[in-house]
């Protein structure tokens, strides 16, 4: 029984959104489950998909919190 964990930052997928929508989550679950069926022949009814939304300030990249990393990168630095 496969278990797939998907982590996304809680910032949404478009302007004005602060979370992934229910429709986007459903598409992720369907797509990952279908991929495991196609590649590993795992039945859909035995595949579990967990989506975890992580607050943006709880992610780091390049030794910095993601908001600071993005700010520096936008300003032309790293």
PDB file of N, CA and C in Angstrom:
ATOM      1  N   UNK A   1       0.841  -1.165   0.000  1.00  0.00           N
ATOM      2  CA  UNK A   1       0.000   0.000   0.000  1.00  0.00           C
ATOM      3  C   UNK A   1       0.891   1.235   0.000  1.00  0.00           C
ATOM      4  N   UNK A   2       0.900   1.986  -1.095  1.00  0.00           N
ATOM      5  CA  UNK A   2       1.711   3.197  -1.137  1.00  0.00           C
ATOM      6  C   UNK A   2       1.069   4.339  -0.348  1.00  0.00           C
ATOM      7  N   UNK A   3       1.929   5.107   0.286  1.00  0.00           N
ATOM      8  CA  UNK A   3       1.509   6.333   0.961  1.00  0.00           C
ATOM      9  C   UNK A   3       2.379   7.449   0.387  1.00  0.00           C
ATOM     10  N   UNK A   4       1.749   8.456  -0.169  1.00  0.00           N
ATOM     11  CA  UNK A   4       2.456   9.578  -0.773  1.00  0.00           C
ATOM     12  C   UNK A   4       2.179  10.819   0.061  1.00  0.00           C
ATOM     13  N   UNK A   5       3.243  11.510   0.453  1.00  0.00           N
ATOM     14  CA  UNK A   5       3.114  12.765   1.189  1.00  0.00           C
ATOM     15  C   UNK A   5       3.498  13.905   0.266  1.00  0.00           C
ATOM     16  N   UNK A   6       2.615  14.880   0.160  1.00  0.00           N
ATOM     17  CA  UNK A   6       2.865  16.069  -0.637  1.00  0.00           C
ATOM     18  C   UNK A   6       2.866  17.254   0.318  1.00  0.00           C
ATOM     19  N   UNK A   7       3.927  18.024   0.301  1.00  0.00           N
ATOM     20  CA  UNK A   7       3.995  19.235   1.124  1.00  0.00           C
ATOM     21  C   UNK A   7       4.020  20.443   0.203  1.00  0.00           C
ATOM     22  N   UNK A   8       3.166  21.400   0.506  1.00  0.00           N
ATOM     23  CA  UNK A   8       3.129  22.650  -0.238  1.00  0.00           C
ATOM     24  C   UNK A   8       3.119  23.800   0.750  1.00  0.00           C
ATOM     25  N   UNK A   9       3.662  24.932   0.342  1.00  0.00           N
ATOM     26  CA  UNK A   9       3.603  26.088   1.230  1.00  0.00           C
ATOM     27  C   UNK A   9       2.180  26.643   1.224  1.00  0.00           C
ATOM     28  N   UNK A  10       1.779  27.148   2.364  1.00  0.00           N
ATOM     29  CA  UNK A  10       0.436  27.720   2.491  1.00  0.00           C
ATOM     30  C   UNK A  10       0.486  29.153   1.961  1.00  0.00           C
ATOM     31  N   UNK A  11       0.498  29.258   0.651  1.00  0.00           N
ATOM     32  CA  UNK A  11       0.479  30.571   0.027  1.00  0.00           C
ATOM     33  C   UNK A  11      -0.440  30.575  -1.177  1.00  0.00           C
ATOM     34  N   UNK A  12      -1.096  29.483  -1.400  1.00  0.00           N
ATOM     35  CA  UNK A  12      -2.036  29.415  -2.503  1.00  0.00           C
ATOM     36  C   UNK A  12      -1.374  29.256  -3.849  1.00  0.00           C
ATOM     37  N   UNK A  13      -2.199  29.144  -4.858  1.00  0.00           N
ATOM     38  CA  UNK A  13      -1.688  28.912  -6.201  1.00  0.00           C
ATOM     39  C   UNK A  13      -1.966  30.081  -7.135  1.00  0.00           C
ATOM     40  N   UNK A  14      -2.397  31.186  -6.569  1.00  0.00           N
ATOM     41  CA  UNK A  14      -2.652  32.355  -7.391  1.00  0.00           C
ATOM     42  C   UNK A  14      -2.842  33.590  -6.537  1.00  0.00           C
ATOM     43  N   UNK A  15      -2.941  34.744  -7.166  1.00  0.00           N
ATOM     44  CA  UNK A  15      -3.098  36.005  -6.433  1.00  0.00           C
ATOM     45  C   UNK A  15      -4.326  35.987  -5.514  1.00  0.00           C
ATOM     46  N   UNK A  16      -4.135  36.466  -4.307  1.00  0.00           N
ATOM     47  CA  UNK A  16      -5.236  36.558  -3.368  1.00  0.00           C
ATOM     48  C   UNK A  16      -5.612  35.260  -2.680  1.00  0.00           C
ATOM     49  N   UNK A  17      -4.894  34.185  -2.946  1.00  0.00           N
ATOM     50  CA  UNK A  17      -5.179  32.900  -2.312  1.00  0.00           C
ATOM     51  C   UNK A  17      -4.155  32.641  -1.223  1.00  0.00           C
ATOM     52  N   UNK A  18      -4.605  32.069  -0.121  1.00  0.00           N
ATOM     53  CA  UNK A  18      -3.667  31.743   0.953  1.00  0.00           C
ATOM     54  C   UNK A  18      -3.627  30.247   1.240  1.00  0.00           C
ATOM     55  N   UNK A  19      -4.189  29.452   0.335  1.00  0.00           N
ATOM     56  CA  UNK A  19      -4.173  27.998   0.498  1.00  0.00           C
ATOM     57  C   UNK A  19      -4.458  27.358  -0.855  1.00  0.00           C
ATOM     58  N   UNK A  20      -4.115  26.101  -0.956  1.00  0.00           N
ATOM     59  CA  UNK A  20      -4.449  25.319  -2.138  1.00  0.00           C
ATOM     60  C   UNK A  20      -5.942  25.026  -2.063  1.00  0.00           C
ATOM     61  N   UNK A  21      -6.646  25.144  -3.186  1.00  0.00           N
ATOM     62  CA  UNK A  21      -8.089  24.920  -3.178  1.00  0.00           C
ATOM     63  C   UNK A  21      -8.420  23.434  -3.066  1.00  0.00           C
ATOM     64  N   UNK A  22      -9.643  23.144  -2.672  1.00  0.00           N
ATOM     65  CA  UNK A  22     -10.110  21.757  -2.583  1.00  0.00           C
ATOM     66  C   UNK A  22     -10.036  21.080  -3.951  1.00  0.00           C
ATOM     67  N   UNK A  23     -10.334  21.823  -5.005  1.00  0.00           N
ATOM     68  CA  UNK A  23     -10.271  21.261  -6.361  1.00  0.00           C
ATOM     69  C   UNK A  23      -8.837  20.915  -6.749  1.00  0.00           C
ATOM     70  N   UNK A  24      -7.890  21.781  -6.377  1.00  0.00           N
ATOM     71  CA  UNK A  24      -6.476  21.500  -6.673  1.00  0.00           C
ATOM     72  C   UNK A  24      -5.997  20.284  -5.900  1.00  0.00           C
ATOM     73  N   UNK A  25      -6.413  20.166  -4.641  1.00  0.00           N
ATOM     74  CA  UNK A  25      -6.035  19.000  -3.841  1.00  0.00           C
ATOM     75  C   UNK A  25      -6.607  17.733  -4.444  1.00  0.00           C
ATOM     76  N   UNK A  26      -7.861  17.783  -4.885  1.00  0.00           N
ATOM     77  CA  UNK A  26      -8.481  16.616  -5.506  1.00  0.00           C
ATOM     78  C   UNK A  26      -7.721  16.212  -6.773  1.00  0.00           C
ATOM     79  N   UNK A  27      -7.283  17.199  -7.558  1.00  0.00           N
ATOM     80  CA  UNK A  27      -6.522  16.904  -8.777  1.00  0.00           C
ATOM     81  C   UNK A  27      -5.172  16.283  -8.446  1.00  0.00           C
ATOM     82  N   UNK A  28      -4.510  16.787  -7.393  1.00  0.00           N
ATOM     83  CA  UNK A  28      -3.236  16.189  -6.968  1.00  0.00           C
ATOM     84  C   UNK A  28      -3.432  14.731  -6.542  1.00  0.00           C
ATOM     85  N   UNK A  29      -4.461  14.487  -5.750  1.00  0.00           N
ATOM     86  CA  UNK A  29      -4.726  13.126  -5.266  1.00  0.00           C
ATOM     87  C   UNK A  29      -5.018  12.195  -6.446  1.00  0.00           C
ATOM     88  N   UNK A  30      -5.861  12.632  -7.357  1.00  0.00           N
ATOM     89  CA  UNK A  30      -6.196  11.807  -8.523  1.00  0.00           C
ATOM     90  C   UNK A  30      -4.973  11.556  -9.399  1.00  0.00           C
ATOM     91  N   UNK A  31      -4.191  12.610  -9.637  1.00  0.00           N
ATOM     92  CA  UNK A  31      -3.028  12.472 -10.512  1.00  0.00           C
ATOM     93  C   UNK A  31      -1.947  11.571  -9.940  1.00  0.00           C
ATOM     94  N   UNK A  32      -1.643  11.740  -8.663  1.00  0.00           N
ATOM     95  CA  UNK A  32      -0.613  10.903  -8.021  1.00  0.00           C
ATOM     96  C   UNK A  32      -1.075   9.452  -7.964  1.00  0.00           C
ATOM     97  N   UNK A  33      -2.331   9.255  -7.628  1.00  0.00           N
ATOM     98  CA  UNK A  33      -2.865   7.893  -7.555  1.00  0.00           C
ATOM     99  C   UNK A  33      -2.812   7.218  -8.917  1.00  0.00           C
ATOM    100  N   UNK A  34      -3.181   7.957  -9.964  1.00  0.00           N
ATOM    101  CA  UNK A  34      -3.138   7.397 -11.317  1.00  0.00           C
ATOM    102  C   UNK A  34      -1.705   7.074 -11.741  1.00  0.00           C
ATOM    103  N   UNK A  35      -0.760   7.942 -11.377  1.00  0.00           N
ATOM    104  CA  UNK A  35       0.646   7.694 -11.692  1.00  0.00           C
ATOM    105  C   UNK A  35       1.140   6.397 -11.056  1.00  0.00           C
ATOM    106  N   UNK A  36       0.785   6.178  -9.786  1.00  0.00           N
ATOM    107  CA  UNK A  36       1.198   4.940  -9.119  1.00  0.00           C
ATOM    108  C   UNK A  36       0.537   3.720  -9.752  1.00  0.00           C
ATOM    109  N   UNK A  37      -0.687   3.869 -10.223  1.00  0.00           N
ATOM    110  CA  UNK A  37      -1.350   2.776 -10.935  1.00  0.00           C
ATOM    111  C   UNK A  37      -0.630   2.490 -12.248  1.00  0.00           C
ATOM    112  N   UNK A  38      -0.323   3.540 -13.011  1.00  0.00           N
ATOM    113  CA  UNK A  38       0.315   3.382 -14.320  1.00  0.00           C
ATOM    114  C   UNK A  38       1.733   2.833 -14.230  1.00  0.00           C
ATOM    115  N   UNK A  39       2.510   3.308 -13.262  1.00  0.00           N
ATOM    116  CA  UNK A  39       3.925   2.945 -13.181  1.00  0.00           C
ATOM    117  C   UNK A  39       4.168   1.693 -12.347  1.00  0.00           C
ATOM    118  N   UNK A  40       3.523   1.616 -11.184  1.00  0.00           N
ATOM    119  CA  UNK A  40       3.783   0.503 -10.261  1.00  0.00           C
ATOM    120  C   UNK A  40       2.634  -0.492 -10.170  1.00  0.00           C
ATOM    121  N   UNK A  41       1.566  -0.238 -10.917  1.00  0.00           N
ATOM    122  CA  UNK A  41       0.392  -1.118 -10.930  1.00  0.00           C
ATOM    123  C   UNK A  41      -0.241  -1.248  -9.550  1.00  0.00           C
ATOM    124  N   UNK A  42      -0.213  -0.147  -8.793  1.00  0.00           N
ATOM    125  CA  UNK A  42      -0.834  -0.118  -7.470  1.00  0.00           C
ATOM    126  C   UNK A  42      -2.297   0.297  -7.625  1.00  0.00           C
ATOM    127  N   UNK A  43      -3.215  -0.497  -7.110  1.00  0.00           N
ATOM    128  CA  UNK A  43      -4.636  -0.163  -7.253  1.00  0.00           C
ATOM    129  C   UNK A  43      -4.975   1.167  -6.584  1.00  0.00           C
ATOM    130  N   UNK A  44      -5.904   1.889  -7.202  1.00  0.00           N
ATOM    131  CA  UNK A  44      -6.312   3.178  -6.647  1.00  0.00           C
ATOM    132  C   UNK A  44      -6.821   3.041  -5.219  1.00  0.00           C
ATOM    133  N   UNK A  45      -7.516   1.952  -4.924  1.00  0.00           N
ATOM    134  CA  UNK A  45      -8.105   1.805  -3.593  1.00  0.00           C
ATOM    135  C   UNK A  45      -7.102   1.392  -2.522  1.00  0.00           C
ATOM    136  N   UNK A  46      -5.831   1.230  -2.903  1.00  0.00           N
ATOM    137  CA  UNK A  46      -4.819   0.936  -1.885  1.00  0.00           C
ATOM    138  C   UNK A  46      -3.768   2.039  -1.789  1.00  0.00           C
ATOM    139  N   UNK A  47      -3.995   3.141  -2.473  1.00  0.00           N
ATOM    140  CA  UNK A  47      -3.051   4.263  -2.472  1.00  0.00           C
ATOM    141  C   UNK A  47      -3.589   5.392  -1.596  1.00  0.00           C
ATOM    142  N   UNK A  48      -2.738   5.844  -0.688  1.00  0.00           N
ATOM    143  CA  UNK A  48      -3.091   6.947   0.204  1.00  0.00           C
ATOM    144  C   UNK A  48      -2.243   8.155  -0.154  1.00  0.00           C
ATOM    145  N   UNK A  49      -2.874   9.312  -0.240  1.00  0.00           N
ATOM    146  CA  UNK A  49      -2.178  10.561  -0.539  1.00  0.00           C
ATOM    147  C   UNK A  49      -2.492  11.546   0.582  1.00  0.00           C
ATOM    148  N   UNK A  50      -1.433  12.108   1.170  1.00  0.00           N
ATOM    149  CA  UNK A  50      -1.584  13.081   2.247  1.00  0.00           C
ATOM    150  C   UNK A  50      -1.012  14.409   1.758  1.00  0.00           C
ATOM    151  N   UNK A  51      -1.813  15.451   1.837  1.00  0.00           N
ATOM    152  CA  UNK A  51      -1.361  16.784   1.448  1.00  0.00           C
ATOM    153  C   UNK A  51      -1.236  17.618   2.712  1.00  0.00           C
ATOM    154  N   UNK A  52      -0.050  18.142   2.918  1.00  0.00           N
ATOM    155  CA  UNK A  52       0.220  18.967   4.095  1.00  0.00           C
ATOM    156  C   UNK A  52       0.579  20.372   3.630  1.00  0.00           C
ATOM    157  N   UNK A  53      -0.165  21.349   4.117  1.00  0.00           N
ATOM    158  CA  UNK A  53       0.149  22.738   3.814  1.00  0.00           C
ATOM    159  C   UNK A  53       0.982  23.299   4.960  1.00  0.00           C
ATOM    160  N   UNK A  54       2.157  23.791   4.627  1.00  0.00           N
ATOM    161  CA  UNK A  54       3.097  24.295   5.616  1.00  0.00           C
ATOM    162  C   UNK A  54       3.148  25.814   5.514  1.00  0.00           C
ATOM    163  N   UNK A  55       3.068  26.467   6.651  1.00  0.00           N
ATOM    164  CA  UNK A  55       3.153  27.928   6.661  1.00  0.00           C
ATOM    165  C   UNK A  55       4.441  28.377   5.987  1.00  0.00           C
ATOM    166  N   UNK A  56       4.367  29.423   5.204  1.00  0.00           N
ATOM    167  CA  UNK A  56       5.503  29.893   4.417  1.00  0.00           C
ATOM    168  C   UNK A  56       6.728  30.162   5.289  1.00  0.00           C
ATOM    169  N   UNK A  57       6.524  30.723   6.477  1.00  0.00           N
ATOM    170  CA  UNK A  57       7.664  31.039   7.333  1.00  0.00           C
ATOM    171  C   UNK A  57       8.319  29.794   7.936  1.00  0.00           C
ATOM    172  N   UNK A  58       7.736  28.614   7.726  1.00  0.00           N
ATOM    173  CA  UNK A  58       8.317  27.367   8.215  1.00  0.00           C
ATOM    174  C   UNK A  58       9.150  26.651   7.158  1.00  0.00           C
ATOM    175  N   UNK A  59       9.412  27.297   6.033  1.00  0.00           N
ATOM    176  CA  UNK A  59      10.247  26.746   4.972  1.00  0.00           C
ATOM    177  C   UNK A  59      11.529  27.560   4.878  1.00  0.00           C
ATOM    178  N   UNK A  60      12.612  26.911   4.503  1.00  0.00           N
ATOM    179  CA  UNK A  60      13.858  27.607   4.266  1.00  0.00           C
ATOM    180  C   UNK A  60      14.456  27.193   2.941  1.00  0.00           C
ATOM    181  N   UNK A  61      15.264  28.105   2.379  1.00  0.00           N
ATOM    182  CA  UNK A  61      15.896  27.845   1.087  1.00  0.00           C
ATOM    183  C   UNK A  61      17.162  28.678   1.041  1.00  0.00           C
ATOM    184  N   UNK A  62      18.244  28.071   0.676  1.00  0.00           N
ATOM    185  CA  UNK A  62      19.492  28.815   0.566  1.00  0.00           C
ATOM    186  C   UNK A  62      19.976  29.394   1.885  1.00  0.00           C
ATOM    187  N   UNK A  63      19.628  28.744   2.992  1.00  0.00           N
ATOM    188  CA  UNK A  63      20.049  29.215   4.297  1.00  0.00           C
ATOM    189  C   UNK A  63      19.198  30.336   4.877  1.00  0.00           C
ATOM    190  N   UNK A  64      18.087  30.632   4.214  1.00  0.00           N
ATOM    191  CA  UNK A  64      17.215  31.727   4.644  1.00  0.00           C
ATOM    192  C   UNK A  64      15.765  31.259   4.691  1.00  0.00           C
ATOM    193  N   UNK A  65      14.925  31.919   5.499  1.00  0.00           N
ATOM    194  CA  UNK A  65      13.489  31.676   5.379  1.00  0.00           C
ATOM    195  C   UNK A  65      13.051  32.039   3.957  1.00  0.00           C
ATOM    196  N   UNK A  66      12.112  31.321   3.410  1.00  0.00           N
ATOM    197  CA  UNK A  66      11.713  31.527   2.017  1.00  0.00           C
ATOM    198  C   UNK A  66      11.327  32.978   1.708  1.00  0.00           C
ATOM    199  N   UNK A  67      10.542  33.670   2.541  1.00  0.00           N
ATOM    200  CA  UNK A  67      10.225  35.065   2.191  1.00  0.00           C
ATOM    201  C   UNK A  67      11.474  35.937   2.031  1.00  0.00           C
ATOM    202  N   UNK A  68      12.468  35.758   2.909  1.00  0.00           N
ATOM    203  CA  UNK A  68      13.708  36.533   2.816  1.00  0.00           C
ATOM    204  C   UNK A  68      14.509  36.135   1.579  1.00  0.00           C
ATOM    205  N   UNK A  69      14.568  34.836   1.286  1.00  0.00           N
ATOM    206  CA  UNK A  69      15.273  34.357   0.097  1.00  0.00           C
ATOM    207  C   UNK A  69      14.673  34.989  -1.162  1.00  0.00           C
ATOM    208  N   UNK A  70      13.342  34.953  -1.250  1.00  0.00           N
ATOM    209  CA  UNK A  70      12.670  35.520  -2.421  1.00  0.00           C
ATOM    210  C   UNK A  70      12.895  37.028  -2.520  1.00  0.00           C
ATOM    211  N   UNK A  71      12.871  37.691  -1.398  1.00  0.00           N
ATOM    212  CA  UNK A  71      13.096  39.139  -1.366  1.00  0.00           C
ATOM    213  C   UNK A  71      14.486  39.472  -1.901  1.00  0.00           C
ATOM    214  N   UNK A  72      15.491  38.746  -1.437  1.00  0.00           N
ATOM    215  CA  UNK A  72      16.876  38.991  -1.882  1.00  0.00           C
ATOM    216  C   UNK A  72      17.039  38.639  -3.359  1.00  0.00           C
ATOM    217  N   UNK A  73      16.416  37.544  -3.753  1.00  0.00           N
ATOM    218  CA  UNK A  73      16.540  37.113  -5.142  1.00  0.00           C
ATOM    219  C   UNK A  73      15.894  38.149  -6.074  1.00  0.00           C
ATOM    220  N   UNK A  74      14.740  38.685  -5.658  1.00  0.00           N
ATOM    221  CA  UNK A  74      14.067  39.710  -6.471  1.00  0.00           C
ATOM    222  C   UNK A  74      14.900  40.980  -6.575  1.00  0.00           C
ATOM    223  N   UNK A  75      15.686  41.251  -5.530  1.00  0.00           N
ATOM    224  CA  UNK A  75      16.543  42.445  -5.523  1.00  0.00           C
ATOM    225  C   UNK A  75      17.850  42.221  -6.269  1.00  0.00           C
ATOM    226  N   UNK A  76      18.037  40.989  -6.781  1.00  0.00           N
ATOM    227  CA  UNK A  76      19.238  40.705  -7.555  1.00  0.00           C
ATOM    228  C   UNK A  76      20.348  40.066  -6.773  1.00  0.00           C
ATOM    229  N   UNK A  77      20.147  39.738  -5.517  1.00  0.00           N
ATOM    230  CA  UNK A  77      21.174  39.075  -4.708  1.00  0.00           C
ATOM    231  C   UNK A  77      20.774  37.651  -4.402  1.00  0.00           C
ATOM    232  N   UNK A  78      21.684  36.930  -3.738  1.00  0.00           N
ATOM    233  CA  UNK A  78      21.338  35.567  -3.320  1.00  0.00           C
ATOM    234  C   UNK A  78      21.617  35.351  -1.872  1.00  0.00           C
TER     235      UNK A  78
END
